Amino acid sequence: MPHPDPHPDTHALPRPTQRIALLAFPGIRAFDVSVITEVWGTDRTDRGVPAFDLRRIAEDPTPVPMRGGLTLTPDRTLTWLTRLAPATDLLVVPGLDDHLTPAPEPVLESLRRAHARGVTIAALCGGAFTLAQAGLLDGRRAVTHWNLVDLLRAHHPLVTVEPDALFIEDDNIWTAAGTAAGIDLCLHLVRRIHGAETAATIARSMVTAPFRTGTQAQFIEHPTPRADRDADALTSVRAYALQHLHEPLTVAGLAARAGMSPRSFARHFTAATGATPLRWLLDQRMAAAQKLLERTDLPMPEVARRAGFGSEVTMRQHFASHLATSPSSYRASFAQRPFTPF
């Protein structure tokens, strides 16, 4: 049975402060703990980022050992997880140094109960193995580090392991690929609750990209040596595209700027970014539209024009397919007063 909470809250935090629980037990990776802490445990309210209530949760108050002589001191026990609200609050499971490390049964049972209540659960890297131990991934899609795909399949054959995605969701359970993809997932989870600008502000303070396109394939492959001219040309083309999103951009036109044939350009571009040129452009236009909706009161047709969608109808269609919402609903949820970025 879980130990009683040694530090009961004496003052309820005002809603809508989002609660995030970092689930700790022996064997968790220090890197993932630091990512979770950096995203949700750093006060950035002076930059317009909402306050988060991050708690370190363990079976008992004993410091949790990690590799390298590090320890993590819990500030709450498993009973605190009952405070997590479905849909908005979050339970995050770090990866493991030994990916077959068995989690304590009270930890696994707490995961099952949280999921049954509708709490969003996320696992970074090898944390998918912990969710699989709990049976939460049986019959569901999941992802882990590309080098662990076969291991996860062998030990948990009921899990549908996707080999390429950076992160994935199935039935309110999120899993992420290795290491840096954990940062991608954490920022995405911020973005879906608090908006693209909040996620971008956190990313800037971490000196990382607010989102990456593509799949793990760009990291699994062993690319052949490429001329510096080609690499520089692709970088220059991406910079040009970002500055001209409001204009019609075609693969043929971008290829001409890179001095390549469209077929060669598409191949090199996908190898470098993990996304096709058209998919990359769409992602950049979605990000531009989200920022305009959050930070300006421009009318919808102007937002669509500046983001490069051409028409409000087209923009609305892409918001529906990618975010399951409309531009006007997105603005109503995430519009914020301007603040000085980091």
Protein backbone atom coordinates (compact mmCIF):
# COMPACT_ATOMS: atom_id res chain seq x y z
CA MET A 1 0.00 0.00 0.00
CA PRO A 2 1.26 3.54 -0.69
CA HIS A 3 2.69 5.35 2.30
CA PRO A 4 0.74 8.31 3.64
CA ASP A 5 1.77 11.66 2.25
CA PRO A 6 4.44 13.07 4.65
CA HIS A 7 3.83 16.64 3.42
CA PRO A 8 0.09 17.24 3.10
CA ASP A 9 -0.80 20.47 1.32
CA THR A 10 -2.05 23.11 3.73
CA HIS A 11 -3.16 25.58 1.07
CA ALA A 12 -4.87 24.57 -2.13
CA LEU A 13 -3.26 26.10 -5.20
CA PRO A 14 -5.60 28.33 -7.19
CA ARG A 15 -6.87 26.81 -10.35
CA PRO A 16 -6.12 26.69 -13.21
CA THR A 17 -2.54 25.99 -12.08
CA GLN A 18 -1.58 22.79 -13.86
CA ARG A 19 -0.30 19.97 -11.67
CA ILE A 20 2.52 17.80 -13.01
CA ALA A 21 3.67 14.66 -11.20
CA LEU A 22 7.18 13.34 -11.86
CA LEU A 23 7.02 9.64 -10.99
CA ALA A 24 10.24 8.47 -9.35
CA PHE A 25 11.58 5.05 -8.42
CA PRO A 26 15.09 3.50 -8.40
CA GLY A 27 16.64 3.30 -11.86
CA ILE A 28 15.12 6.38 -13.51
CA ARG A 29 17.38 8.44 -15.78
CA ALA A 30 18.76 11.66 -14.39
CA PHE A 31 18.62 13.28 -17.84
CA ASP A 32 14.86 12.80 -18.13
CA VAL A 33 14.36 14.05 -14.58
CA SER A 34 16.28 17.20 -15.49
CA VAL A 35 14.21 17.71 -18.67
CA ILE A 36 10.92 17.44 -16.78
CA THR A 37 12.22 19.77 -14.08
CA GLU A 38 13.52 22.31 -16.59
CA VAL A 39 10.24 22.45 -18.53
CA TRP A 40 7.79 22.53 -15.62
CA GLY A 41 9.91 23.31 -12.56
CA THR A 42 11.44 26.65 -13.58
CA ASP A 43 9.58 29.87 -12.78
CA ARG A 44 9.10 31.86 -16.00
CA THR A 45 6.05 33.84 -14.94
CA ASP A 46 7.97 37.07 -15.58
CA ARG A 47 7.98 36.06 -19.28
CA GLY A 48 4.28 35.28 -19.47
CA VAL A 49 4.55 31.55 -18.81
CA PRO A 50 1.94 30.27 -16.34
CA ALA A 51 3.04 28.84 -13.01
CA PHE A 52 3.16 25.04 -12.79
CA ASP A 53 2.84 22.84 -9.72
CA LEU A 54 5.54 20.19 -10.27
CA ARG A 55 5.82 17.45 -7.63
CA ARG A 56 8.32 14.61 -7.30
CA ILE A 57 6.29 11.52 -6.46
CA ALA A 58 7.63 8.25 -5.04
CA GLU A 59 6.42 5.23 -3.11
CA ASP A 60 7.87 6.62 0.11
CA PRO A 61 9.87 9.70 1.20
CA THR A 62 13.25 7.93 0.87
CA PRO A 63 15.65 9.60 -1.61
CA VAL A 64 15.55 7.83 -4.97
CA PRO A 65 18.99 6.73 -6.25
CA MET A 66 20.03 7.51 -9.81
CA ARG A 67 23.16 6.80 -11.82
CA GLY A 68 26.31 8.79 -11.09
CA GLY A 69 25.74 9.06 -7.35
CA LEU A 70 22.74 11.35 -7.78
CA THR A 71 19.58 11.12 -5.73
CA LEU A 72 16.11 12.63 -6.08
CA THR A 73 14.26 13.59 -2.92
CA PRO A 74 10.49 13.08 -3.26
CA ASP A 75 8.23 15.81 -1.94
CA ARG A 76 5.03 13.77 -2.21
CA THR A 77 4.06 10.09 -2.11
CA LEU A 78 1.77 8.10 -4.36
CA THR A 79 -1.37 9.19 -2.55
CA TRP A 80 -0.88 12.69 -4.00
CA LEU A 81 -1.65 11.34 -7.49
CA THR A 82 -5.35 11.28 -6.62
CA ARG A 83 -5.24 15.10 -6.81
CA LEU A 84 -4.43 15.05 -10.53
CA ALA A 85 -7.34 16.31 -12.59
CA PRO A 86 -8.33 14.44 -15.75
CA ALA A 87 -7.61 16.17 -19.08
CA THR A 88 -5.51 19.05 -17.68
CA ASP A 89 -3.04 17.62 -15.16
CA LEU A 90 -0.18 15.35 -16.11
CA LEU A 91 1.74 12.31 -14.84
CA VAL A 92 5.23 11.96 -16.36
CA VAL A 93 7.40 8.83 -16.22
CA PRO A 94 11.15 9.26 -16.84
CA GLY A 95 13.16 6.76 -18.83
CA LEU A 96 15.35 4.09 -17.25
CA ASP A 97 19.08 3.42 -17.16
CA ASP A 98 18.34 -0.31 -17.35
CA HIS A 99 15.29 -0.55 -19.57
CA LEU A 100 14.13 -3.81 -18.00
CA THR A 101 14.20 -2.41 -14.45
CA PRO A 102 11.02 -3.62 -12.72
CA ALA A 103 8.97 -0.83 -11.21
CA PRO A 104 7.51 -1.40 -7.73
CA GLU A 105 3.98 -2.79 -7.88
CA PRO A 106 2.51 0.20 -5.98
CA VAL A 107 3.96 2.45 -8.70
CA LEU A 108 2.41 0.31 -11.45
CA GLU A 109 -0.94 0.23 -9.67
CA SER A 110 -0.88 4.01 -9.27
CA LEU A 111 -0.32 4.34 -13.03
CA ARG A 112 -3.27 2.07 -13.75
CA ARG A 113 -5.54 4.03 -11.41
CA ALA A 114 -4.47 7.37 -12.84
CA HIS A 115 -5.19 6.22 -16.37
CA ALA A 116 -8.56 4.80 -15.34
CA ARG A 117 -9.47 8.25 -13.96
CA GLY A 118 -8.59 9.93 -17.25
CA VAL A 119 -5.29 11.51 -16.20
CA THR A 120 -2.90 12.21 -19.07
CA ILE A 121 0.22 10.03 -18.77
CA ALA A 122 3.51 10.59 -20.61
CA ALA A 123 6.65 8.46 -20.70
CA LEU A 124 10.03 9.59 -21.96
CA CYS A 125 12.33 7.19 -23.83
CA GLY A 126 12.53 3.88 -21.91
CA GLY A 127 9.69 4.99 -19.66
CA ALA A 128 7.54 3.12 -22.19
CA PHE A 129 8.82 -0.09 -20.59
CA THR A 130 7.34 1.00 -17.24
CA LEU A 131 3.98 1.70 -18.85
CA ALA A 132 4.16 -1.67 -20.58
CA GLN A 133 4.87 -3.38 -17.23
CA ALA A 134 1.67 -1.80 -15.94
CA GLY A 135 -0.23 -3.21 -18.91
CA LEU A 136 -1.18 0.26 -20.10
CA LEU A 137 0.30 -0.23 -23.56
CA ASP A 138 -1.33 -3.58 -24.33
CA GLY A 139 -3.19 -3.20 -27.60
CA ARG A 140 -2.01 0.39 -27.95
CA ARG A 141 0.55 2.18 -30.11
CA ALA A 142 3.76 3.36 -28.49
CA VAL A 143 7.23 4.56 -29.37
CA THR A 144 10.61 4.35 -27.70
CA HIS A 145 14.24 4.95 -28.64
CA TRP A 146 14.96 3.43 -32.06
CA ASN A 147 17.64 1.20 -30.52
CA LEU A 148 15.10 -0.25 -28.04
CA VAL A 149 12.30 -1.05 -30.50
CA ASP A 150 13.15 -4.75 -30.79
CA LEU A 151 13.63 -5.08 -27.02
CA LEU A 152 10.22 -3.54 -26.30
CA ARG A 153 8.58 -5.78 -28.89
CA ALA A 154 10.27 -8.90 -27.49
CA HIS A 155 9.33 -8.30 -23.86
CA HIS A 156 5.88 -6.79 -24.49
CA PRO A 157 4.44 -8.39 -27.64
CA LEU A 158 0.97 -6.95 -27.04
CA VAL A 159 2.30 -3.43 -27.63
CA THR A 160 2.15 -2.01 -31.16
CA VAL A 161 5.60 -0.42 -31.33
CA GLU A 162 5.94 2.34 -33.91
CA PRO A 163 9.59 2.51 -34.98
CA ASP A 164 9.81 6.02 -36.45
CA ALA A 165 7.78 8.64 -34.58
CA LEU A 166 9.40 11.18 -32.25
CA PHE A 167 6.36 10.92 -29.97
CA ILE A 168 2.90 9.42 -30.16
CA GLU A 169 -0.42 9.36 -28.30
CA ASP A 170 -2.92 6.55 -27.84
CA ASP A 171 -5.86 6.72 -25.42
CA ASN A 172 -4.39 9.67 -23.51
CA ILE A 173 -1.03 7.91 -23.09
CA TRP A 174 1.97 9.64 -24.65
CA THR A 175 5.32 7.98 -25.34
CA ALA A 176 8.47 9.53 -26.76
CA ALA A 177 11.58 8.34 -28.54
CA GLY A 178 15.02 8.68 -27.00
CA THR A 179 16.68 11.53 -25.16
CA ALA A 180 16.04 14.76 -27.12
CA ALA A 181 12.61 13.50 -28.23
CA GLY A 182 11.65 13.67 -24.56
CA ILE A 183 12.16 17.43 -24.76
CA ASP A 184 10.00 17.49 -27.90
CA LEU A 185 7.19 15.67 -26.11
CA CYS A 186 7.35 17.84 -22.99
CA LEU A 187 7.13 21.01 -25.09
CA HIS A 188 4.26 19.52 -27.09
CA LEU A 189 2.37 18.76 -23.89
CA VAL A 190 2.86 22.38 -22.83
CA ARG A 191 1.70 23.55 -26.25
CA ARG A 192 -1.53 21.55 -26.26
CA ILE A 193 -2.67 22.99 -22.90
CA HIS A 194 -1.10 26.47 -22.86
CA GLY A 195 -0.51 27.32 -26.53
CA ALA A 196 2.38 27.59 -28.97
CA GLU A 197 3.77 30.87 -27.62
CA THR A 198 4.14 29.51 -24.09
CA ALA A 199 5.93 26.43 -25.44
CA ALA A 200 8.15 28.64 -27.60
CA THR A 201 9.08 30.84 -24.64
CA ILE A 202 10.12 27.78 -22.63
CA ALA A 203 12.04 26.43 -25.62
CA ARG A 204 13.91 29.71 -26.08
CA SER A 205 14.99 29.71 -22.45
CA MET A 206 16.25 26.13 -22.94
CA VAL A 207 18.01 27.13 -26.19
CA THR A 208 16.16 24.45 -28.14
CA ALA A 209 13.67 24.33 -30.98
CA PRO A 210 10.01 24.68 -29.94
CA PHE A 211 9.20 21.74 -32.18
CA ARG A 212 10.95 19.47 -34.64
CA THR A 213 9.48 17.88 -37.73
CA GLY A 214 10.18 14.44 -39.06
CA THR A 215 10.75 11.02 -37.55
CA GLN A 216 13.48 8.99 -35.88
CA ALA A 217 14.50 7.82 -39.34
CA GLN A 218 16.63 10.94 -39.76
CA PHE A 219 18.74 9.76 -36.81
CA ILE A 220 18.76 6.01 -37.52
CA GLU A 221 20.13 6.36 -41.01
CA HIS A 222 23.85 6.68 -41.67
CA PRO A 223 23.93 9.44 -44.26
CA THR A 224 26.61 9.40 -46.89
CA PRO A 225 29.00 12.34 -46.91
CA ARG A 226 27.40 15.36 -48.58
CA ALA A 227 29.10 18.32 -50.17
CA ASP A 228 29.22 21.37 -47.95
CA ARG A 229 27.63 23.32 -50.80
CA ASP A 230 24.50 21.15 -50.70
CA ALA A 231 24.17 21.42 -46.91
CA ASP A 232 24.61 25.19 -47.03
CA ALA A 233 22.09 25.43 -49.86
CA LEU A 234 19.44 23.57 -47.86
CA THR A 235 20.01 25.79 -44.83
CA SER A 236 19.73 28.89 -47.01
CA VAL A 237 16.52 27.63 -48.61
CA ARG A 238 14.88 26.95 -45.25
CA ALA A 239 15.81 30.43 -44.05
CA TYR A 240 14.38 31.92 -47.25
CA ALA A 241 11.15 29.95 -46.85
CA LEU A 242 10.66 31.13 -43.28
CA GLN A 243 11.03 34.73 -44.40
CA HIS A 244 8.57 34.25 -47.28
CA LEU A 245 5.88 32.03 -45.79
CA HIS A 246 3.23 34.52 -46.95
CA GLU A 247 4.19 33.88 -50.58
CA PRO A 248 3.32 30.85 -52.74
CA LEU A 249 6.21 28.42 -52.32
CA THR A 250 6.68 25.32 -54.46
CA VAL A 251 9.14 22.45 -54.33
CA ALA A 252 10.31 23.35 -57.82
CA GLY A 253 10.95 26.96 -56.82
CA LEU A 254 12.82 26.01 -53.65
CA ALA A 255 14.83 23.41 -55.55
CA ALA A 256 15.86 26.06 -58.07
CA ARG A 257 17.11 28.28 -55.25
CA ALA A 258 19.19 25.35 -53.98
CA GLY A 259 20.56 24.65 -57.45
CA MET A 260 19.09 21.14 -57.50
CA SER A 261 16.48 19.25 -59.44
CA PRO A 262 13.15 18.93 -57.61
CA ARG A 263 13.68 15.19 -57.10
CA SER A 264 17.21 15.59 -55.73
CA PHE A 265 16.14 18.52 -53.56
CA ALA A 266 13.24 16.57 -52.04
CA ARG A 267 15.52 13.63 -51.28
CA HIS A 268 18.23 15.75 -49.63
CA PHE A 269 15.67 17.88 -47.76
CA THR A 270 13.92 14.84 -46.29
CA ALA A 271 17.24 13.28 -45.26
CA ALA A 272 18.25 16.51 -43.49
CA THR A 273 14.98 17.32 -41.74
CA GLY A 274 13.03 14.06 -41.57
CA ALA A 275 10.09 15.71 -43.36
CA THR A 276 9.22 16.31 -46.99
CA PRO A 277 9.49 19.93 -48.17
CA LEU A 278 5.69 20.33 -48.33
CA ARG A 279 5.18 18.81 -44.89
CA TRP A 280 7.89 21.06 -43.44
CA LEU A 281 6.26 24.12 -45.02
CA LEU A 282 2.87 23.19 -43.60
CA ASP A 283 4.34 22.78 -40.11
CA GLN A 284 6.00 26.21 -40.33
CA ARG A 285 2.77 27.82 -41.54
CA MET A 286 0.79 26.23 -38.73
CA ALA A 287 3.31 27.54 -36.20
CA ALA A 288 3.19 31.03 -37.74
CA ALA A 289 -0.61 31.08 -37.66
CA GLN A 290 -0.71 29.91 -34.04
CA LYS A 291 1.66 32.68 -33.00
CA LEU A 292 -0.35 35.33 -34.85
CA LEU A 293 -3.57 34.12 -33.25
CA GLU A 294 -2.00 34.19 -29.79
CA ARG A 295 -0.16 37.50 -30.06
CA THR A 296 -2.26 39.71 -32.38
CA ASP A 297 -5.87 40.67 -33.01
CA LEU A 298 -5.47 40.54 -36.79
CA PRO A 299 -8.62 39.41 -38.63
CA MET A 300 -8.67 35.79 -39.75
CA PRO A 301 -8.14 36.48 -43.47
CA GLU A 302 -4.99 38.47 -42.65
CA VAL A 303 -3.68 35.72 -40.36
CA ALA A 304 -4.25 33.21 -43.16
CA ARG A 305 -2.46 35.47 -45.66
CA ARG A 306 0.58 36.13 -43.48
CA ALA A 307 0.95 32.45 -42.58
CA GLY A 308 0.79 31.51 -46.25
CA PHE A 309 -2.48 29.56 -46.32
CA GLY A 310 -3.95 31.82 -48.98
CA SER A 311 -7.46 31.75 -47.59
CA GLU A 312 -9.24 31.53 -44.26
CA VAL A 313 -11.02 28.39 -45.46
CA THR A 314 -7.75 26.59 -46.14
CA MET A 315 -6.35 27.65 -42.76
CA ARG A 316 -9.50 26.44 -41.03
CA GLN A 317 -9.22 23.05 -42.74
CA HIS A 318 -5.62 22.60 -41.60
CA PHE A 319 -6.45 23.62 -38.02
CA ALA A 320 -9.27 21.06 -37.99
CA SER A 321 -7.05 18.24 -39.27
CA HIS A 322 -3.95 19.06 -37.19
CA LEU A 323 -5.31 20.53 -33.96
CA ALA A 324 -8.94 19.36 -33.97
CA THR A 325 -10.09 22.94 -33.45
CA SER A 326 -10.84 26.10 -35.43
CA PRO A 327 -8.61 29.20 -35.62
CA SER A 328 -11.21 31.25 -33.74
CA SER A 329 -11.47 28.66 -30.96
CA TYR A 330 -7.67 28.46 -30.77
CA ARG A 331 -7.46 32.23 -30.39
CA ALA A 332 -10.14 32.21 -27.68
CA SER A 333 -8.20 29.57 -25.73
CA PHE A 334 -4.66 30.87 -26.11
CA ALA A 335 -4.73 34.61 -26.85
CA GLN A 336 -2.48 36.43 -24.39
CA ARG A 337 -1.28 39.90 -23.68
CA PRO A 338 2.12 40.76 -25.16
CA PHE A 339 5.17 40.25 -22.96
CA THR A 340 8.89 40.67 -23.43
CA PRO A 341 10.33 37.35 -24.69
CA PHE A 342 13.49 35.83 -23.24
